[in-house]
PDB file of N, CA and C in Angstrom:
ATOM      1  N   MET A   1     107.834 -76.047 303.233  1.00  0.00           N
ATOM      2  CA  MET A   1     106.493 -76.542 303.056  1.00  0.00           C
ATOM      3  C   MET A   1     105.939 -76.969 304.410  1.00  0.00           C
ATOM      4  N   ARG A   2     104.677 -76.698 304.636  1.00  0.00           N
ATOM      5  CA  ARG A   2     104.014 -77.074 305.878  1.00  0.00           C
ATOM      6  C   ARG A   2     103.973 -78.601 306.034  1.00  0.00           C
ATOM      7  N   LEU A   3     104.011 -79.064 307.274  1.00  0.00           N
ATOM      8  CA  LEU A   3     103.974 -80.487 307.578  1.00  0.00           C
ATOM      9  C   LEU A   3     102.719 -81.142 307.010  1.00  0.00           C
ATOM     10  N   ASP A   4     101.549 -80.553 307.239  1.00  0.00           N
ATOM     11  CA  ASP A   4     100.311 -81.179 306.766  1.00  0.00           C
ATOM     12  C   ASP A   4     100.278 -81.276 305.240  1.00  0.00           C
ATOM     13  N   LEU A   5     100.776 -80.277 304.565  1.00  0.00           N
ATOM     14  CA  LEU A   5     100.805 -80.296 303.104  1.00  0.00           C
ATOM     15  C   LEU A   5     101.805 -81.327 302.583  1.00  0.00           C
ATOM     16  N   PHE A   6     102.948 -81.452 303.247  1.00  0.00           N
ATOM     17  CA  PHE A   6     103.938 -82.457 302.854  1.00  0.00           C
ATOM     18  C   PHE A   6     103.352 -83.865 302.987  1.00  0.00           C
ATOM     19  N   LEU A   7     102.680 -84.137 304.109  1.00  0.00           N
ATOM     20  CA  LEU A   7     102.103 -85.458 304.329  1.00  0.00           C
ATOM     21  C   LEU A   7     101.058 -85.795 303.280  1.00  0.00           C
ATOM     22  N   LYS A   8     100.275 -84.818 302.882  1.00  0.00           N
ATOM     23  CA  LYS A   8      99.247 -85.023 301.866  1.00  0.00           C
ATOM     24  C   LYS A   8      99.880 -85.200 300.491  1.00  0.00           C
ATOM     25  N   ARG A   9     100.785 -84.321 300.104  1.00  0.00           N
ATOM     26  CA  ARG A   9     101.365 -84.368 298.753  1.00  0.00           C
ATOM     27  C   ARG A   9     102.217 -85.606 298.514  1.00  0.00           C
ATOM     28  N   THR A  10     102.838 -86.125 299.546  1.00  0.00           N
ATOM     29  CA  THR A  10     103.678 -87.313 299.385  1.00  0.00           C
ATOM     30  C   THR A  10     102.908 -88.600 299.650  1.00  0.00           C
ATOM     31  N   CYS A  11     101.607 -88.509 299.778  1.00  0.00           N
ATOM     32  CA  CYS A  11     100.709 -89.660 299.934  1.00  0.00           C
ATOM     33  C   CYS A  11     100.951 -90.447 301.224  1.00  0.00           C
ATOM     34  N   LEU A  12     101.572 -89.824 302.215  1.00  0.00           N
ATOM     35  CA  LEU A  12     101.736 -90.491 303.498  1.00  0.00           C
ATOM     36  C   LEU A  12     100.421 -90.503 304.266  1.00  0.00           C
ATOM     37  N   LEU A  13      99.610 -89.478 304.076  1.00  0.00           N
ATOM     38  CA  LEU A  13      98.269 -89.424 304.638  1.00  0.00           C
ATOM     39  C   LEU A  13      97.297 -89.040 303.532  1.00  0.00           C
ATOM     40  N   LYS A  14      96.047 -89.392 303.745  1.00  0.00           N
ATOM     41  CA  LYS A  14      95.033 -89.211 302.711  1.00  0.00           C
ATOM     42  C   LYS A  14      94.633 -87.753 302.492  1.00  0.00           C
ATOM     43  N   SER A  15      94.664 -86.949 303.555  1.00  0.00           N
ATOM     44  CA  SER A  15      94.204 -85.566 303.422  1.00  0.00           C
ATOM     45  C   SER A  15      94.931 -84.645 304.399  1.00  0.00           C
ATOM     46  N   ARG A  16      94.878 -83.348 304.105  1.00  0.00           N
ATOM     47  CA  ARG A  16      95.446 -82.355 305.025  1.00  0.00           C
ATOM     48  C   ARG A  16      94.655 -82.325 306.320  1.00  0.00           C
ATOM     49  N   THR A  17      93.353 -82.547 306.228  1.00  0.00           N
ATOM     50  CA  THR A  17      92.511 -82.549 307.427  1.00  0.00           C
ATOM     51  C   THR A  17      92.955 -83.642 308.385  1.00  0.00           C
ATOM     52  N   LEU A  18      93.216 -84.827 307.857  1.00  0.00           N
ATOM     53  CA  LEU A  18      93.685 -85.930 308.690  1.00  0.00           C
ATOM     54  C   LEU A  18      95.042 -85.592 309.302  1.00  0.00           C
ATOM     55  N   ALA A  19      95.920 -84.987 308.524  1.00  0.00           N
ATOM     56  CA  ALA A  19      97.236 -84.583 309.030  1.00  0.00           C
ATOM     57  C   ALA A  19      97.087 -83.572 310.167  1.00  0.00           C
ATOM     58  N   LYS A  20      96.189 -82.617 310.001  1.00  0.00           N
ATOM     59  CA  LYS A  20      95.952 -81.612 311.042  1.00  0.00           C
ATOM     60  C   LYS A  20      95.412 -82.256 312.315  1.00  0.00           C
ATOM     61  N   GLU A  21      94.494 -83.183 312.176  1.00  0.00           N
ATOM     62  CA  GLU A  21      93.934 -83.869 313.342  1.00  0.00           C
ATOM     63  C   GLU A  21      95.010 -84.637 314.102  1.00  0.00           C
ATOM     64  N   ILE A  22      95.889 -85.305 313.387  1.00  0.00           N
ATOM     65  CA  ILE A  22      96.972 -86.060 314.029  1.00  0.00           C
ATOM     66  C   ILE A  22      97.919 -85.115 314.765  1.00  0.00           C
ATOM     67  N   CYS A  23      98.250 -84.009 314.125  1.00  0.00           N
ATOM     68  CA  CYS A  23      99.132 -83.019 314.765  1.00  0.00           C
ATOM     69  C   CYS A  23      98.471 -82.398 315.995  1.00  0.00           C
ATOM     70  N   ASP A  24      97.200 -82.055 315.896  1.00  0.00           N
ATOM     71  CA  ASP A  24      96.476 -81.461 317.024  1.00  0.00           C
ATOM     72  C   ASP A  24      96.400 -82.408 318.213  1.00  0.00           C
ATOM     73  N   ALA A  25      96.406 -83.707 317.946  1.00  0.00           N
ATOM     74  CA  ALA A  25      96.357 -84.707 319.005  1.00  0.00           C
ATOM     75  C   ALA A  25      97.745 -85.034 319.557  1.00  0.00           C
ATOM     76  N   GLY A  26      98.786 -84.378 319.051  1.00  0.00           N
ATOM     77  CA  GLY A  26     100.150 -84.625 319.532  1.00  0.00           C
ATOM     78  C   GLY A  26     100.793 -85.844 318.917  1.00  0.00           C
ATOM     79  N   GLY A  27     100.281 -86.313 317.780  1.00  0.00           N
ATOM     80  CA  GLY A  27     100.777 -87.533 317.160  1.00  0.00           C
ATOM     81  C   GLY A  27     101.897 -87.340 316.158  1.00  0.00           C
ATOM     82  N   ALA A  28     102.411 -86.116 316.027  1.00  0.00           N
ATOM     83  CA  ALA A  28     103.493 -85.874 315.071  1.00  0.00           C
ATOM     84  C   ALA A  28     104.619 -85.110 315.753  1.00  0.00           C
ATOM     85  N   THR A  29     105.836 -85.537 315.464  1.00  0.00           N
ATOM     86  CA  THR A  29     107.006 -84.809 315.948  1.00  0.00           C
ATOM     87  C   THR A  29     107.940 -84.541 314.774  1.00  0.00           C
ATOM     88  N   VAL A  30     108.662 -83.444 314.865  1.00  0.00           N
ATOM     89  CA  VAL A  30     109.691 -83.105 313.884  1.00  0.00           C
ATOM     90  C   VAL A  30     110.975 -82.880 314.666  1.00  0.00           C
ATOM     91  N   ASN A  31     111.980 -83.669 314.355  1.00  0.00           N
ATOM     92  CA  ASN A  31     113.272 -83.615 315.054  1.00  0.00           C
ATOM     93  C   ASN A  31     113.106 -83.750 316.563  1.00  0.00           C
ATOM     94  N   GLY A  32     112.180 -84.627 316.975  1.00  0.00           N
ATOM     95  CA  GLY A  32     111.985 -84.928 318.388  1.00  0.00           C
ATOM     96  C   GLY A  32     111.084 -83.978 319.152  1.00  0.00           C
ATOM     97  N   LYS A  33     110.561 -82.946 318.508  1.00  0.00           N
ATOM     98  CA  LYS A  33     109.684 -81.983 319.177  1.00  0.00           C
ATOM     99  C   LYS A  33     108.280 -82.089 318.615  1.00  0.00           C
ATOM    100  N   ILE A  34     107.276 -82.024 319.487  1.00  0.00           N
ATOM    101  CA  ILE A  34     105.885 -82.085 319.038  1.00  0.00           C
ATOM    102  C   ILE A  34     105.645 -80.973 318.028  1.00  0.00           C
ATOM    103  N   ALA A  35     105.007 -81.346 316.909  1.00  0.00           N
ATOM    104  CA  ALA A  35     104.839 -80.405 315.799  1.00  0.00           C
ATOM    105  C   ALA A  35     103.373 -80.072 315.556  1.00  0.00           C
ATOM    106  N   LYS A  36     103.139 -78.838 315.175  1.00  0.00           N
ATOM    107  CA  LYS A  36     101.827 -78.420 314.716  1.00  0.00           C
ATOM    108  C   LYS A  36     101.748 -78.698 313.217  1.00  0.00           C
ATOM    109  N   SER A  37     100.546 -78.676 312.682  1.00  0.00           N
ATOM    110  CA  SER A  37     100.382 -78.934 311.254  1.00  0.00           C
ATOM    111  C   SER A  37     101.037 -77.847 310.406  1.00  0.00           C
ATOM    112  N   SER A  38     101.222 -76.669 310.970  1.00  0.00           N
ATOM    113  CA  SER A  38     101.821 -75.556 310.227  1.00  0.00           C
ATOM    114  C   SER A  38     103.347 -75.537 310.300  1.00  0.00           C
ATOM    115  N   GLN A  39     103.942 -76.519 310.970  1.00  0.00           N
ATOM    116  CA  GLN A  39     105.405 -76.610 311.083  1.00  0.00           C
ATOM    117  C   GLN A  39     106.031 -76.640 309.690  1.00  0.00           C
ATOM    118  N   ILE A  40     107.006 -75.799 309.450  1.00  0.00           N
ATOM    119  CA  ILE A  40     107.697 -75.770 308.160  1.00  0.00           C
ATOM    120  C   ILE A  40     108.772 -76.861 308.152  1.00  0.00           C
ATOM    121  N   LEU A  41     108.739 -77.704 307.117  1.00  0.00           N
ATOM    122  CA  LEU A  41     109.708 -78.780 306.977  1.00  0.00           C
ATOM    123  C   LEU A  41     110.839 -78.360 306.056  1.00  0.00           C
ATOM    124  N   HIS A  42     111.992 -78.938 306.325  1.00  0.00           N
ATOM    125  CA  HIS A  42     113.183 -78.726 305.504  1.00  0.00           C
ATOM    126  C   HIS A  42     113.783 -80.090 305.194  1.00  0.00           C
ATOM    127  N   ALA A  43     114.595 -80.163 304.164  1.00  0.00           N
ATOM    128  CA  ALA A  43     115.294 -81.408 303.860  1.00  0.00           C
ATOM    129  C   ALA A  43     116.119 -81.823 305.074  1.00  0.00           C
ATOM    130  N   GLU A  44     116.175 -83.113 305.319  1.00  0.00           N
ATOM    131  CA  GLU A  44     116.904 -83.740 306.423  1.00  0.00           C
ATOM    132  C   GLU A  44     116.159 -83.717 307.759  1.00  0.00           C
ATOM    133  N   ASP A  45     114.975 -83.116 307.834  1.00  0.00           N
ATOM    134  CA  ASP A  45     114.165 -83.194 309.060  1.00  0.00           C
ATOM    135  C   ASP A  45     113.706 -84.632 309.258  1.00  0.00           C
ATOM    136  N   VAL A  46     113.605 -85.062 310.517  1.00  0.00           N
ATOM    137  CA  VAL A  46     113.107 -86.391 310.847  1.00  0.00           C
ATOM    138  C   VAL A  46     111.715 -86.218 311.446  1.00  0.00           C
ATOM    139  N   VAL A  47     110.747 -86.878 310.827  1.00  0.00           N
ATOM    140  CA  VAL A  47     109.348 -86.770 311.240  1.00  0.00           C
ATOM    141  C   VAL A  47     108.891 -88.121 311.765  1.00  0.00           C
ATOM    142  N   ARG A  48     108.153 -88.096 312.858  1.00  0.00           N
ATOM    143  CA  ARG A  48     107.575 -89.318 313.419  1.00  0.00           C
ATOM    144  C   ARG A  48     106.074 -89.131 313.535  1.00  0.00           C
ATOM    145  N   LEU A  49     105.326 -90.082 313.008  1.00  0.00           N
ATOM    146  CA  LEU A  49     103.870 -90.079 313.104  1.00  0.00           C
ATOM    147  C   LEU A  49     103.440 -91.263 313.954  1.00  0.00           C
ATOM    148  N   ARG A  50     102.666 -90.994 314.968  1.00  0.00           N
ATOM    149  CA  ARG A  50     102.111 -92.057 315.800  1.00  0.00           C
ATOM    150  C   ARG A  50     100.622 -92.133 315.500  1.00  0.00           C
ATOM    151  N   LEU A  51     100.259 -93.152 314.734  1.00  0.00           N
ATOM    152  CA  LEU A  51      98.872 -93.356 314.345  1.00  0.00           C
ATOM    153  C   LEU A  51      98.280 -94.462 315.209  1.00  0.00           C
ATOM    154  N   ALA A  52      97.004 -94.708 315.052  1.00  0.00           N
ATOM    155  CA  ALA A  52      96.324 -95.706 315.878  1.00  0.00           C
ATOM    156  C   ALA A  52      96.958 -97.092 315.736  1.00  0.00           C
ATOM    157  N   THR A  53      97.305 -97.479 314.517  1.00  0.00           N
ATOM    158  CA  THR A  53      97.821 -98.827 314.289  1.00  0.00           C
ATOM    159  C   THR A  53      99.231 -98.845 313.719  1.00  0.00           C
ATOM    160  N   ARG A  54      99.870 -97.694 313.679  1.00  0.00           N
ATOM    161  CA  ARG A  54     101.170 -97.617 313.010  1.00  0.00           C
ATOM    162  C   ARG A  54     102.038 -96.539 313.637  1.00  0.00           C
ATOM    163  N   ASP A  55     103.325 -96.820 313.723  1.00  0.00           N
ATOM    164  CA  ASP A  55     104.310 -95.844 314.181  1.00  0.00           C
ATOM    165  C   ASP A  55     105.321 -95.699 313.050  1.00  0.00           C
ATOM    166  N   LEU A  56     105.344 -94.530 312.423  1.00  0.00           N
ATOM    167  CA  LEU A  56     106.145 -94.306 311.231  1.00  0.00           C
ATOM    168  C   LEU A  56     107.139 -93.179 311.471  1.00  0.00           C
ATOM    169  N   GLU A  57     108.395 -93.443 311.170  1.00  0.00           N
ATOM    170  CA  GLU A  57     109.429 -92.421 311.279  1.00  0.00           C
ATOM    171  C   GLU A  57     110.150 -92.341 309.937  1.00  0.00           C
ATOM    172  N   PHE A  58     110.315 -91.118 309.427  1.00  0.00           N
ATOM    173  CA  PHE A  58     110.969 -90.941 308.145  1.00  0.00           C
ATOM    174  C   PHE A  58     111.780 -89.663 308.128  1.00  0.00           C
ATOM    175  N   ARG A  59     112.736 -89.613 307.182  1.00  0.00           N
ATOM    176  CA  ARG A  59     113.571 -88.441 306.972  1.00  0.00           C
ATOM    177  C   ARG A  59     113.114 -87.770 305.692  1.00  0.00           C
ATOM    178  N   VAL A  60     112.970 -86.469 305.717  1.00  0.00           N
ATOM    179  CA  VAL A  60     112.599 -85.709 304.531  1.00  0.00           C
ATOM    180  C   VAL A  60     113.831 -85.629 303.633  1.00  0.00           C
ATOM    181  N   VAL A  61     113.715 -86.143 302.422  1.00  0.00           N
ATOM    182  CA  VAL A  61     114.827 -86.128 301.469  1.00  0.00           C
ATOM    183  C   VAL A  61     114.816 -84.828 300.679  1.00  0.00           C
ATOM    184  N   ALA A  62     113.632 -84.431 300.222  1.00  0.00           N
ATOM    185  CA  ALA A  62     113.489 -83.208 299.440  1.00  0.00           C
ATOM    186  C   ALA A  62     112.076 -82.679 299.616  1.00  0.00           C
ATOM    187  N   ILE A  63     111.905 -81.409 299.348  1.00  0.00           N
ATOM    188  CA  ILE A  63     110.595 -80.769 299.441  1.00  0.00           C
ATOM    189  C   ILE A  63     110.030 -80.667 298.025  1.00  0.00           C
ATOM    190  N   PRO A  64     108.832 -81.236 297.785  1.00  0.00           N
ATOM    191  CA  PRO A  64     108.255 -81.150 296.447  1.00  0.00           C
ATOM    192  C   PRO A  64     107.876 -79.716 296.086  1.00  0.00           C
ATOM    193  N   GLY A  65     108.023 -79.394 294.814  1.00  0.00           N
ATOM    194  CA  GLY A  65     107.710 -78.054 294.337  1.00  0.00           C
ATOM    195  C   GLY A  65     106.248 -77.861 294.014  1.00  0.00           C
ATOM    196  N   GLY A  66     105.517 -78.925 293.860  1.00  0.00           N
ATOM    197  CA  GLY A  66     104.097 -78.848 293.511  1.00  0.00           C
ATOM    198  C   GLY A  66     103.448 -80.188 293.799  1.00  0.00           C
ATOM    199  N   ASN A  67     102.416 -80.499 293.038  1.00  0.00           N
ATOM    200  CA  ASN A  67     101.746 -81.786 293.225  1.00  0.00           C
ATOM    201  C   ASN A  67     102.669 -82.923 292.814  1.00  0.00           C
ATOM    202  N   VAL A  68     102.489 -84.078 293.461  1.00  0.00           N
ATOM    203  CA  VAL A  68     103.348 -85.233 293.259  1.00  0.00           C
ATOM    204  C   VAL A  68     102.474 -86.426 292.903  1.00  0.00           C
ATOM    205  N   THR A  69     102.898 -87.224 291.925  1.00  0.00           N
ATOM    206  CA  THR A  69     102.167 -88.438 291.606  1.00  0.00           C
ATOM    207  C   THR A  69     102.479 -89.500 292.659  1.00  0.00           C
ATOM    208  N   LYS A  70     101.578 -90.453 292.826  1.00  0.00           N
ATOM    209  CA  LYS A  70     101.808 -91.519 293.795  1.00  0.00           C
ATOM    210  C   LYS A  70     103.084 -92.286 293.465  1.00  0.00           C
ATOM    211  N   ARG A  71     103.351 -92.444 292.191  1.00  0.00           N
ATOM    212  CA  ARG A  71     104.538 -93.169 291.752  1.00  0.00           C
ATOM    213  C   ARG A  71     105.816 -92.462 292.186  1.00  0.00           C
ATOM    214  N   ASP A  72     105.814 -91.132 292.196  1.00  0.00           N
ATOM    215  CA  ASP A  72     107.007 -90.361 292.541  1.00  0.00           C
ATOM    216  C   ASP A  72     107.071 -89.936 294.009  1.00  0.00           C
ATOM    217  N   ALA A  73     106.030 -90.191 294.772  1.00  0.00           N
ATOM    218  CA  ALA A  73     105.942 -89.693 296.149  1.00  0.00           C
ATOM    219  C   ALA A  73     107.081 -90.181 297.038  1.00  0.00           C
ATOM    220  N   ALA A  74     107.500 -91.422 296.866  1.00  0.00           N
ATOM    221  CA  ALA A  74     108.529 -91.999 297.739  1.00  0.00           C
ATOM    222  C   ALA A  74     109.903 -91.370 297.535  1.00  0.00           C
ATOM    223  N   LYS A  75     110.090 -90.560 296.516  1.00  0.00           N
ATOM    224  CA  LYS A  75     111.375 -89.899 296.273  1.00  0.00           C
ATOM    225  C   LYS A  75     111.641 -88.772 297.266  1.00  0.00           C
ATOM    226  N   PHE A  76     110.610 -88.355 297.979  1.00  0.00           N
ATOM    227  CA  PHE A  76     110.730 -87.198 298.853  1.00  0.00           C
ATOM    228  C   PHE A  76     110.942 -87.547 300.323  1.00  0.00           C
ATOM    229  N   PHE A  77     110.915 -88.834 300.664  1.00  0.00           N
ATOM    230  CA  PHE A  77     111.156 -89.246 302.049  1.00  0.00           C
ATOM    231  C   PHE A  77     111.840 -90.602 302.074  1.00  0.00           C
ATOM    232  N   ALA A  78     112.528 -90.872 303.193  1.00  0.00           N
ATOM    233  CA  ALA A  78     113.187 -92.159 303.409  1.00  0.00           C
ATOM    234  C   ALA A  78     112.681 -92.723 304.729  1.00  0.00           C
ATOM    235  N   ILE A  79     112.082 -93.889 304.681  1.00  0.00           N
ATOM    236  CA  ILE A  79     111.540 -94.530 305.876  1.00  0.00           C
ATOM    237  C   ILE A  79     112.694 -94.975 306.778  1.00  0.00           C
ATOM    238  N   LEU A  80     112.641 -94.545 308.033  1.00  0.00           N
ATOM    239  CA  LEU A  80     113.634 -94.959 309.017  1.00  0.00           C
ATOM    240  C   LEU A  80     113.106 -96.105 309.877  1.00  0.00           C
ATOM    241  N   ARG A  81     111.817 -96.028 310.185  1.00  0.00           N
ATOM    242  CA  ARG A  81     111.187 -97.060 311.018  1.00  0.00           C
ATOM    243  C   ARG A  81     109.711 -97.107 310.687  1.00  0.00           C
ATOM    244  N   ASP A  82     109.171 -98.321 310.574  1.00  0.00           N
ATOM    245  CA  ASP A  82     107.755 -98.493 310.278  1.00  0.00           C
ATOM    246  C   ASP A  82     107.260 -99.693 311.079  1.00  0.00           C
ATOM    247  N   GLU A  83     106.573 -99.415 312.172  1.00  0.00           N
ATOM    248  CA  GLU A  83     106.074-100.468 313.040  1.00  0.00           C
ATOM    249  C   GLU A  83     104.564-100.456 313.038  1.00  0.00           C
ATOM    250  N   GLY A  84     103.982-101.613 313.072  1.00  0.00           N
ATOM    251  CA  GLY A  84     102.535-101.701 313.150  1.00  0.00           C
ATOM    252  C   GLY A  84     101.961-102.333 311.902  1.00  0.00           C
ATOM    253  N   GLY A  85     100.643-102.279 311.832  1.00  0.00           N
ATOM    254  CA  GLY A  85      99.930-102.924 310.736  1.00  0.00           C
ATOM    255  C   GLY A  85      99.816-102.063 309.503  1.00  0.00           C
ATOM    256  N   ALA A  86      98.711-102.248 308.834  1.00  0.00           N
ATOM    257  CA  ALA A  86      98.440-101.511 307.599  1.00  0.00           C
ATOM    258  C   ALA A  86      98.241-100.036 307.909  1.00  0.00           C
ATOM    259  N   PRO A  87      98.375 -99.182 306.908  1.00  0.00           N
ATOM    260  CA  PRO A  87      98.146 -97.741 307.130  1.00  0.00           C
ATOM    261  C   PRO A  87      96.786 -97.462 307.747  1.00  0.00           C
ATOM    262  N   ALA A  88      96.721 -96.454 308.586  1.00  0.00           N
ATOM    263  CA  ALA A  88      95.487 -96.132 309.301  1.00  0.00           C
ATOM    264  C   ALA A  88      94.473 -95.430 308.406  1.00  0.00           C
ATOM    265  N   TRP A  89      94.872 -95.050 307.233  1.00  0.00           N
ATOM    266  CA  TRP A  89      93.954 -94.361 306.335  1.00  0.00           C
ATOM    267  C   TRP A  89      93.434 -95.332 305.346  1.00  0.00           C
TER     268      TRP A  89
END
């Protein structure tokens, strides 16, 4: 699954457009390498998002097969580090 779609479906970001903008600005890495929004994610990948007010690092636990409810979204990632204030979205 694409990085931007994963971020949107798991409710980590509000929209794919926002995910693409963050990636285009160099604010996302996958396994330590700067990632484009089209980067394909796999289970066990480590993703880091550097937002204006937040630095979030998480491990992909599983790739969702379709749409995900907000209640179930946290099953697909494990937070490794979360620094900063409230979500930027």
